[in-house]
């Protein structure tokens, strides 16, 4: 009898252990990790004759989105390396010369919006991007079998002395159907790459149209009149882009509203 009780206890413990192990494996399977990778084509645009320094803070370089909503699958998405690659490609094509600034002293002073006489005087402008918000939708959460990604960036531009010139919001949107990919990770990665390309295209077109930057360029006579487009032409294209953004906002209203104001 004692022997049977011992067997029963051992069997019970094994069953309990199996249940706990299954639960742990189930929880682990709900977590998906993605390191975004992709290629970003060099935009074919008129070069702006400015020397620009890019400031990437560590939080931007290593940016990771970690899903904390317990009702959703535990996605962990790393986009730091890819967004740095995107900005290096696009800004490198936009300006006469581009350098990446990694000096903590310079970053601190620019963040404080104060003049810094120790800055490189050959730099005309400093560009500093920051991720303000990141959101995504998976096929189970949408009416269509799509992955959707929406990223809001805060763009800041400083002059060579560290004074803030412009501060605006730039949004990025990407989507892709799962039917074309073998795994959800590949589908979401593609949506991320499309969103970053959308960001690059928007930035290359919009940069000189930001009012504060346009005023600074005219004041310092940094760009020839052949480069700056006439007001009527710029206004016409701006209206076309605004209409496009409005349609995009309506089409993706289930995702979230797009705030693209300067």
C-alpha atoms as a PDB file:
ATOM      1  CA  UNK A   1       0.000   0.000   0.000  1.00  0.00           C
ATOM      2  CA  UNK A   2       2.803   2.367   0.933  1.00  0.00           C
ATOM      3  CA  UNK A   3       4.544   1.481  -2.333  1.00  0.00           C
ATOM      4  CA  UNK A   4       1.402   2.346  -4.339  1.00  0.00           C
ATOM      5  CA  UNK A   5       1.098   5.697  -2.521  1.00  0.00           C
ATOM      6  CA  UNK A   6       4.681   6.536  -3.417  1.00  0.00           C
ATOM      7  CA  UNK A   7       4.042   5.709  -7.071  1.00  0.00           C
ATOM      8  CA  UNK A   8       0.900   7.847  -7.003  1.00  0.00           C
ATOM      9  CA  UNK A   9       2.844  10.797  -5.541  1.00  0.00           C
ATOM     10  CA  UNK A  10       5.605  10.443  -8.148  1.00  0.00           C
ATOM     11  CA  UNK A  11       3.084  10.265 -10.986  1.00  0.00           C
ATOM     12  CA  UNK A  12       1.271  13.318  -9.617  1.00  0.00           C
ATOM     13  CA  UNK A  13       4.522  15.289  -9.421  1.00  0.00           C
ATOM     14  CA  UNK A  14       5.448  14.318 -12.974  1.00  0.00           C
ATOM     15  CA  UNK A  15       2.043  15.426 -14.225  1.00  0.00           C
ATOM     16  CA  UNK A  16       2.349  18.747 -12.375  1.00  0.00           C
ATOM     17  CA  UNK A  17       5.846  19.252 -13.750  1.00  0.00           C
ATOM     18  CA  UNK A  18       4.590  18.550 -17.258  1.00  0.00           C
ATOM     19  CA  UNK A  19       1.780  21.067 -16.872  1.00  0.00           C
ATOM     20  CA  UNK A  20       4.129  23.764 -15.582  1.00  0.00           C
ATOM     21  CA  UNK A  21       6.589  23.074 -18.405  1.00  0.00           C
ATOM     22  CA  UNK A  22       3.818  23.263 -20.994  1.00  0.00           C
ATOM     23  CA  UNK A  23       2.632  26.558 -19.529  1.00  0.00           C
ATOM     24  CA  UNK A  24       6.135  28.011 -19.650  1.00  0.00           C
ATOM     25  CA  UNK A  25       6.627  26.891 -23.231  1.00  0.00           C
ATOM     26  CA  UNK A  26       3.275  28.375 -24.150  1.00  0.00           C
ATOM     27  CA  UNK A  27       4.214  31.712 -22.608  1.00  0.00           C
ATOM     28  CA  UNK A  28       7.565  31.680 -24.354  1.00  0.00           C
ATOM     29  CA  UNK A  29       5.950  30.930 -27.686  1.00  0.00           C
ATOM     30  CA  UNK A  30       3.801  34.076 -27.372  1.00  0.00           C
ATOM     31  CA  UNK A  31       6.900  36.251 -27.422  1.00  0.00           C
ATOM     32  CA  UNK A  32       8.375  37.142 -30.792  1.00  0.00           C
ATOM     33  CA  UNK A  33      11.652  38.999 -31.280  1.00  0.00           C
ATOM     34  CA  UNK A  34      12.485  40.932 -34.416  1.00  0.00           C
ATOM     35  CA  UNK A  35      15.633  42.820 -35.413  1.00  0.00           C
ATOM     36  CA  UNK A  36      14.577  44.931 -38.364  1.00  0.00           C
ATOM     37  CA  UNK A  37      16.833  44.566 -41.396  1.00  0.00           C
ATOM     38  CA  UNK A  38      16.496  46.047 -44.843  1.00  0.00           C
ATOM     39  CA  UNK A  39      18.013  48.070 -47.650  1.00  0.00           C
ATOM     40  CA  UNK A  40      17.225  51.713 -48.302  1.00  0.00           C
ATOM     41  CA  UNK A  41      17.752  53.148 -51.783  1.00  0.00           C
ATOM     42  CA  UNK A  42      19.614  56.427 -52.161  1.00  0.00           C
ATOM     43  CA  UNK A  43      17.125  59.146 -53.161  1.00  0.00           C
ATOM     44  CA  UNK A  44      17.824  60.947 -56.436  1.00  0.00           C
ATOM     45  CA  UNK A  45      17.426  64.591 -55.417  1.00  0.00           C
ATOM     46  CA  UNK A  46      19.149  67.960 -55.740  1.00  0.00           C
ATOM     47  CA  UNK A  47      22.026  68.206 -53.280  1.00  0.00           C
ATOM     48  CA  UNK A  48      21.650  70.942 -50.683  1.00  0.00           C
ATOM     49  CA  UNK A  49      25.049  72.684 -50.391  1.00  0.00           C
ATOM     50  CA  UNK A  50      25.284  72.444 -46.607  1.00  0.00           C
ATOM     51  CA  UNK A  51      27.621  70.649 -44.220  1.00  0.00           C
ATOM     52  CA  UNK A  52      25.479  68.726 -41.749  1.00  0.00           C
ATOM     53  CA  UNK A  53      26.264  66.901 -38.520  1.00  0.00           C
ATOM     54  CA  UNK A  54      23.892  64.130 -37.408  1.00  0.00           C
ATOM     55  CA  UNK A  55      23.388  63.498 -33.710  1.00  0.00           C
ATOM     56  CA  UNK A  56      22.261  60.009 -32.729  1.00  0.00           C
ATOM     57  CA  UNK A  57      21.635  59.605 -29.030  1.00  0.00           C
ATOM     58  CA  UNK A  58      22.201  56.122 -27.614  1.00  0.00           C
ATOM     59  CA  UNK A  59      18.480  55.641 -27.040  1.00  0.00           C
ATOM     60  CA  UNK A  60      17.926  56.263 -30.757  1.00  0.00           C
ATOM     61  CA  UNK A  61      20.757  53.994 -31.870  1.00  0.00           C
ATOM     62  CA  UNK A  62      19.517  51.088 -29.766  1.00  0.00           C
ATOM     63  CA  UNK A  63      15.774  51.795 -29.883  1.00  0.00           C
ATOM     64  CA  UNK A  64      13.637  48.756 -29.073  1.00  0.00           C
ATOM     65  CA  UNK A  65       9.885  48.519 -28.776  1.00  0.00           C
ATOM     66  CA  UNK A  66       8.717  46.050 -26.136  1.00  0.00           C
ATOM     67  CA  UNK A  67       5.024  45.212 -26.028  1.00  0.00           C
ATOM     68  CA  UNK A  68       3.699  45.569 -22.478  1.00  0.00           C
ATOM     69  CA  UNK A  69       0.024  44.988 -23.150  1.00  0.00           C
ATOM     70  CA  UNK A  70      -0.775  41.566 -21.661  1.00  0.00           C
ATOM     71  CA  UNK A  71      -3.678  41.124 -24.072  1.00  0.00           C
ATOM     72  CA  UNK A  72      -1.317  41.142 -27.070  1.00  0.00           C
ATOM     73  CA  UNK A  73       1.485  38.811 -28.143  1.00  0.00           C
ATOM     74  CA  UNK A  74       4.805  39.853 -26.644  1.00  0.00           C
ATOM     75  CA  UNK A  75       6.562  41.415 -29.621  1.00  0.00           C
ATOM     76  CA  UNK A  76      10.012  42.887 -29.071  1.00  0.00           C
ATOM     77  CA  UNK A  77      11.117  44.937 -32.075  1.00  0.00           C
ATOM     78  CA  UNK A  78      14.571  46.438 -32.512  1.00  0.00           C
ATOM     79  CA  UNK A  79      14.771  49.245 -35.086  1.00  0.00           C
ATOM     80  CA  UNK A  80      17.783  51.228 -33.843  1.00  0.00           C
ATOM     81  CA  UNK A  81      20.351  50.008 -36.383  1.00  0.00           C
ATOM     82  CA  UNK A  82      17.932  50.170 -39.309  1.00  0.00           C
ATOM     83  CA  UNK A  83      16.757  53.714 -38.640  1.00  0.00           C
ATOM     84  CA  UNK A  84      20.366  54.907 -38.279  1.00  0.00           C
ATOM     85  CA  UNK A  85      21.121  53.234 -41.621  1.00  0.00           C
ATOM     86  CA  UNK A  86      18.101  54.944 -43.173  1.00  0.00           C
ATOM     87  CA  UNK A  87      19.047  58.427 -41.947  1.00  0.00           C
ATOM     88  CA  UNK A  88      22.688  57.985 -43.000  1.00  0.00           C
ATOM     89  CA  UNK A  89      21.563  57.018 -46.504  1.00  0.00           C
ATOM     90  CA  UNK A  90      18.960  59.753 -46.976  1.00  0.00           C
ATOM     91  CA  UNK A  91      20.836  62.637 -45.342  1.00  0.00           C
ATOM     92  CA  UNK A  92      24.025  61.580 -47.086  1.00  0.00           C
ATOM     93  CA  UNK A  93      22.240  62.060 -50.413  1.00  0.00           C
ATOM     94  CA  UNK A  94      20.572  65.328 -49.394  1.00  0.00           C
ATOM     95  CA  UNK A  95      23.573  67.392 -48.330  1.00  0.00           C
ATOM     96  CA  UNK A  96      27.015  68.395 -49.570  1.00  0.00           C
ATOM     97  CA  UNK A  97      28.679  66.589 -46.673  1.00  0.00           C
ATOM     98  CA  UNK A  98      27.431  64.688 -43.633  1.00  0.00           C
ATOM     99  CA  UNK A  99      29.261  63.637 -40.469  1.00  0.00           C
ATOM    100  CA  UNK A 100      27.946  61.647 -37.524  1.00  0.00           C
ATOM    101  CA  UNK A 101      28.523  63.454 -34.239  1.00  0.00           C
ATOM    102  CA  UNK A 102      29.063  61.213 -31.240  1.00  0.00           C
ATOM    103  CA  UNK A 103      30.477  63.723 -28.756  1.00  0.00           C
ATOM    104  CA  UNK A 104      28.517  63.532 -25.495  1.00  0.00           C
ATOM    105  CA  UNK A 105      29.528  67.117 -24.719  1.00  0.00           C
ATOM    106  CA  UNK A 106      28.114  68.366 -27.993  1.00  0.00           C
ATOM    107  CA  UNK A 107      24.924  66.347 -27.566  1.00  0.00           C
ATOM    108  CA  UNK A 108      24.409  67.714 -24.071  1.00  0.00           C
ATOM    109  CA  UNK A 109      24.897  71.320 -25.143  1.00  0.00           C
ATOM    110  CA  UNK A 110      22.621  71.012 -28.139  1.00  0.00           C
ATOM    111  CA  UNK A 111      19.971  69.307 -26.049  1.00  0.00           C
ATOM    112  CA  UNK A 112      20.044  72.346 -23.766  1.00  0.00           C
ATOM    113  CA  UNK A 113      19.582  74.685 -26.750  1.00  0.00           C
ATOM    114  CA  UNK A 114      22.502  76.914 -25.779  1.00  0.00           C
ATOM    115  CA  UNK A 115      25.400  78.275 -27.870  1.00  0.00           C
ATOM    116  CA  UNK A 116      28.591  76.225 -27.844  1.00  0.00           C
ATOM    117  CA  UNK A 117      31.723  77.955 -29.123  1.00  0.00           C
ATOM    118  CA  UNK A 118      33.664  74.675 -29.123  1.00  0.00           C
ATOM    119  CA  UNK A 119      31.521  73.229 -31.937  1.00  0.00           C
ATOM    120  CA  UNK A 120      32.947  72.476 -35.360  1.00  0.00           C
ATOM    121  CA  UNK A 121      32.639  75.763 -37.254  1.00  0.00           C
ATOM    122  CA  UNK A 122      32.579  73.924 -40.596  1.00  0.00           C
ATOM    123  CA  UNK A 123      29.161  72.479 -39.742  1.00  0.00           C
ATOM    124  CA  UNK A 124      26.249  74.569 -41.012  1.00  0.00           C
ATOM    125  CA  UNK A 125      23.449  72.588 -39.376  1.00  0.00           C
ATOM    126  CA  UNK A 126      23.021  69.796 -36.848  1.00  0.00           C
ATOM    127  CA  UNK A 127      20.232  67.278 -37.306  1.00  0.00           C
ATOM    128  CA  UNK A 128      18.837  65.297 -34.384  1.00  0.00           C
ATOM    129  CA  UNK A 129      16.038  62.696 -34.810  1.00  0.00           C
ATOM    130  CA  UNK A 130      14.111  61.042 -31.996  1.00  0.00           C
ATOM    131  CA  UNK A 131      11.394  58.367 -31.882  1.00  0.00           C
ATOM    132  CA  UNK A 132       8.343  59.863 -30.188  1.00  0.00           C
ATOM    133  CA  UNK A 133       5.890  57.016 -30.656  1.00  0.00           C
ATOM    134  CA  UNK A 134       5.730  53.538 -32.175  1.00  0.00           C
ATOM    135  CA  UNK A 135       2.618  51.484 -32.881  1.00  0.00           C
ATOM    136  CA  UNK A 136       1.771  48.406 -34.898  1.00  0.00           C
ATOM    137  CA  UNK A 137      -1.182  46.202 -35.762  1.00  0.00           C
ATOM    138  CA  UNK A 138      -1.112  42.480 -36.500  1.00  0.00           C
ATOM    139  CA  UNK A 139      -3.559  40.663 -38.838  1.00  0.00           C
ATOM    140  CA  UNK A 140      -5.708  39.413 -35.948  1.00  0.00           C
ATOM    141  CA  UNK A 141      -6.367  43.037 -34.922  1.00  0.00           C
ATOM    142  CA  UNK A 142      -7.352  44.385 -38.331  1.00  0.00           C
ATOM    143  CA  UNK A 143     -10.109  43.739 -40.842  1.00  0.00           C
ATOM    144  CA  UNK A 144      -7.502  42.799 -43.451  1.00  0.00           C
ATOM    145  CA  UNK A 145      -4.688  40.252 -43.369  1.00  0.00           C
ATOM    146  CA  UNK A 146      -2.016  42.917 -42.953  1.00  0.00           C
ATOM    147  CA  UNK A 147       0.770  44.022 -40.662  1.00  0.00           C
ATOM    148  CA  UNK A 148       0.727  47.788 -40.153  1.00  0.00           C
ATOM    149  CA  UNK A 149       3.402  50.010 -38.603  1.00  0.00           C
ATOM    150  CA  UNK A 150       3.179  53.673 -37.621  1.00  0.00           C
ATOM    151  CA  UNK A 151       6.121  55.641 -36.218  1.00  0.00           C
ATOM    152  CA  UNK A 152       6.191  59.270 -35.099  1.00  0.00           C
ATOM    153  CA  UNK A 153       9.561  61.024 -35.188  1.00  0.00           C
ATOM    154  CA  UNK A 154      10.554  64.340 -33.660  1.00  0.00           C
ATOM    155  CA  UNK A 155      13.050  66.155 -35.891  1.00  0.00           C
ATOM    156  CA  UNK A 156      15.217  68.954 -34.549  1.00  0.00           C
ATOM    157  CA  UNK A 157      17.647  71.108 -36.479  1.00  0.00           C
ATOM    158  CA  UNK A 158      20.247  73.402 -34.884  1.00  0.00           C
ATOM    159  CA  UNK A 159      22.613  75.941 -36.375  1.00  0.00           C
ATOM    160  CA  UNK A 160      26.381  75.678 -36.073  1.00  0.00           C
ATOM    161  CA  UNK A 161      26.299  77.369 -32.649  1.00  0.00           C
ATOM    162  CA  UNK A 162      23.757  74.967 -31.203  1.00  0.00           C
ATOM    163  CA  UNK A 163      20.733  77.254 -31.379  1.00  0.00           C
ATOM    164  CA  UNK A 164      17.474  75.485 -32.179  1.00  0.00           C
ATOM    165  CA  UNK A 165      16.170  76.440 -35.617  1.00  0.00           C
ATOM    166  CA  UNK A 166      13.325  74.018 -36.284  1.00  0.00           C
ATOM    167  CA  UNK A 167      11.383  71.367 -34.394  1.00  0.00           C
ATOM    168  CA  UNK A 168       8.748  69.326 -36.205  1.00  0.00           C
ATOM    169  CA  UNK A 169       6.982  65.962 -36.394  1.00  0.00           C
ATOM    170  CA  UNK A 170       7.509  63.520 -39.250  1.00  0.00           C
ATOM    171  CA  UNK A 171       5.459  60.334 -39.480  1.00  0.00           C
ATOM    172  CA  UNK A 172       6.167  57.020 -41.175  1.00  0.00           C
ATOM    173  CA  UNK A 173       3.676  54.362 -42.235  1.00  0.00           C
ATOM    174  CA  UNK A 174       4.126  50.903 -43.686  1.00  0.00           C
ATOM    175  CA  UNK A 175       1.985  47.826 -44.262  1.00  0.00           C
ATOM    176  CA  UNK A 176       2.378  44.429 -45.851  1.00  0.00           C
ATOM    177  CA  UNK A 177       0.144  41.352 -46.331  1.00  0.00           C
ATOM    178  CA  UNK A 178       1.182  38.137 -44.627  1.00  0.00           C
ATOM    179  CA  UNK A 179       0.272  36.074 -47.699  1.00  0.00           C
ATOM    180  CA  UNK A 180       3.583  36.936 -49.369  1.00  0.00           C
ATOM    181  CA  UNK A 181       5.760  35.785 -46.458  1.00  0.00           C
ATOM    182  CA  UNK A 182       6.414  32.478 -44.748  1.00  0.00           C
ATOM    183  CA  UNK A 183       6.548  33.891 -41.214  1.00  0.00           C
ATOM    184  CA  UNK A 184       5.010  36.757 -39.269  1.00  0.00           C
ATOM    185  CA  UNK A 185       8.488  38.044 -38.451  1.00  0.00           C
ATOM    186  CA  UNK A 186       9.325  38.479 -42.140  1.00  0.00           C
ATOM    187  CA  UNK A 187       6.003  40.176 -42.823  1.00  0.00           C
ATOM    188  CA  UNK A 188       6.410  42.626 -39.946  1.00  0.00           C
ATOM    189  CA  UNK A 189      10.021  43.283 -40.955  1.00  0.00           C
ATOM    190  CA  UNK A 190       8.872  44.222 -44.446  1.00  0.00           C
ATOM    191  CA  UNK A 191       6.226  46.570 -43.039  1.00  0.00           C
ATOM    192  CA  UNK A 192       8.933  48.212 -40.924  1.00  0.00           C
ATOM    193  CA  UNK A 193      11.244  48.654 -43.923  1.00  0.00           C
ATOM    194  CA  UNK A 194       8.408  50.198 -45.944  1.00  0.00           C
ATOM    195  CA  UNK A 195       7.669  52.603 -43.073  1.00  0.00           C
ATOM    196  CA  UNK A 196      11.311  53.691 -42.871  1.00  0.00           C
ATOM    197  CA  UNK A 197      11.442  54.213 -46.635  1.00  0.00           C
ATOM    198  CA  UNK A 198       8.289  56.306 -46.344  1.00  0.00           C
ATOM    199  CA  UNK A 199      10.052  58.373 -43.687  1.00  0.00           C
ATOM    200  CA  UNK A 200      13.091  58.891 -45.893  1.00  0.00           C
ATOM    201  CA  UNK A 201      11.013  59.971 -48.873  1.00  0.00           C
ATOM    202  CA  UNK A 202       9.012  62.410 -46.751  1.00  0.00           C
ATOM    203  CA  UNK A 203      12.109  63.905 -45.140  1.00  0.00           C
ATOM    204  CA  UNK A 204      13.956  64.449 -48.426  1.00  0.00           C
ATOM    205  CA  UNK A 205      10.964  66.308 -49.870  1.00  0.00           C
ATOM    206  CA  UNK A 206       9.895  68.245 -46.802  1.00  0.00           C
ATOM    207  CA  UNK A 207      13.181  69.430 -45.305  1.00  0.00           C
ATOM    208  CA  UNK A 208      13.614  72.733 -47.177  1.00  0.00           C
ATOM    209  CA  UNK A 209       9.874  73.380 -46.916  1.00  0.00           C
ATOM    210  CA  UNK A 210       9.914  73.582 -43.137  1.00  0.00           C
ATOM    211  CA  UNK A 211       9.285  77.347 -42.689  1.00  0.00           C
ATOM    212  CA  UNK A 212      11.996  77.921 -40.080  1.00  0.00           C
ATOM    213  CA  UNK A 213      14.619  76.084 -42.141  1.00  0.00           C
ATOM    214  CA  UNK A 214      13.575  77.864 -45.326  1.00  0.00           C
ATOM    215  CA  UNK A 215      13.875  81.233 -43.547  1.00  0.00           C
ATOM    216  CA  UNK A 216      17.315  80.318 -42.177  1.00  0.00           C
ATOM    217  CA  UNK A 217      18.508  79.277 -45.636  1.00  0.00           C
ATOM    218  CA  UNK A 218      17.353  82.566 -47.181  1.00  0.00           C
ATOM    219  CA  UNK A 219      18.805  84.631 -44.337  1.00  0.00           C
ATOM    220  CA  UNK A 220      22.227  82.983 -44.608  1.00  0.00           C
ATOM    221  CA  UNK A 221      22.138  82.760 -48.405  1.00  0.00           C
ATOM    222  CA  UNK A 222      23.218  79.117 -48.222  1.00  0.00           C
ATOM    223  CA  UNK A 223      21.346  77.880 -51.287  1.00  0.00           C
ATOM    224  CA  UNK A 224      21.198  79.362 -54.749  1.00  0.00           C
ATOM    225  CA  UNK A 225      17.877  80.548 -56.119  1.00  0.00           C
ATOM    226  CA  UNK A 226      18.049  77.777 -58.718  1.00  0.00           C
ATOM    227  CA  UNK A 227      17.664  75.197 -55.955  1.00  0.00           C
ATOM    228  CA  UNK A 228      14.798  76.796 -53.996  1.00  0.00           C
ATOM    229  CA  UNK A 229      11.587  76.169 -55.921  1.00  0.00           C
ATOM    230  CA  UNK A 230       9.189  79.037 -56.654  1.00  0.00           C
ATOM    231  CA  UNK A 231       6.428  79.565 -54.137  1.00  0.00           C
ATOM    232  CA  UNK A 232       3.632  78.634 -56.551  1.00  0.00           C
ATOM    233  CA  UNK A 233       5.269  75.362 -57.512  1.00  0.00           C
ATOM    234  CA  UNK A 234       6.129  74.518 -53.924  1.00  0.00           C
ATOM    235  CA  UNK A 235       2.620  75.384 -52.778  1.00  0.00           C
ATOM    236  CA  UNK A 236       1.082  73.231 -55.494  1.00  0.00           C
ATOM    237  CA  UNK A 237       3.178  70.202 -54.564  1.00  0.00           C
ATOM    238  CA  UNK A 238       2.622  70.837 -50.863  1.00  0.00           C
ATOM    239  CA  UNK A 239      -1.152  70.783 -51.427  1.00  0.00           C
ATOM    240  CA  UNK A 240      -0.829  67.514 -53.343  1.00  0.00           C
ATOM    241  CA  UNK A 241       1.152  65.950 -50.495  1.00  0.00           C
ATOM    242  CA  UNK A 242      -1.346  67.210 -47.904  1.00  0.00           C
ATOM    243  CA  UNK A 243      -4.215  65.629 -49.857  1.00  0.00           C
ATOM    244  CA  UNK A 244      -2.275  62.372 -49.996  1.00  0.00           C
ATOM    245  CA  UNK A 245      -1.679  62.479 -46.243  1.00  0.00           C
ATOM    246  CA  UNK A 246      -5.372  63.189 -45.639  1.00  0.00           C
ATOM    247  CA  UNK A 247      -6.421  60.156 -47.667  1.00  0.00           C
ATOM    248  CA  UNK A 248      -3.829  58.042 -45.899  1.00  0.00           C
ATOM    249  CA  UNK A 249      -5.107  59.228 -42.532  1.00  0.00           C
ATOM    250  CA  UNK A 250      -8.698  58.354 -43.434  1.00  0.00           C
ATOM    251  CA  UNK A 251      -7.747  54.973 -44.831  1.00  0.00           C
ATOM    252  CA  UNK A 252      -5.826  54.079 -41.688  1.00  0.00           C
ATOM    253  CA  UNK A 253      -8.066  55.724 -39.119  1.00  0.00           C
ATOM    254  CA  UNK A 254      -8.461  52.356 -37.381  1.00  0.00           C
ATOM    255  CA  UNK A 255      -4.761  52.346 -36.696  1.00  0.00           C
ATOM    256  CA  UNK A 256      -4.545  55.803 -35.148  1.00  0.00           C
ATOM    257  CA  UNK A 257      -4.718  59.449 -36.254  1.00  0.00           C
ATOM    258  CA  UNK A 258      -1.682  60.867 -38.004  1.00  0.00           C
ATOM    259  CA  UNK A 259      -0.300  64.090 -36.611  1.00  0.00           C
ATOM    260  CA  UNK A 260       1.951  65.592 -39.249  1.00  0.00           C
ATOM    261  CA  UNK A 261       2.052  69.172 -38.164  1.00  0.00           C
ATOM    262  CA  UNK A 262       5.169  71.252 -38.023  1.00  0.00           C
END
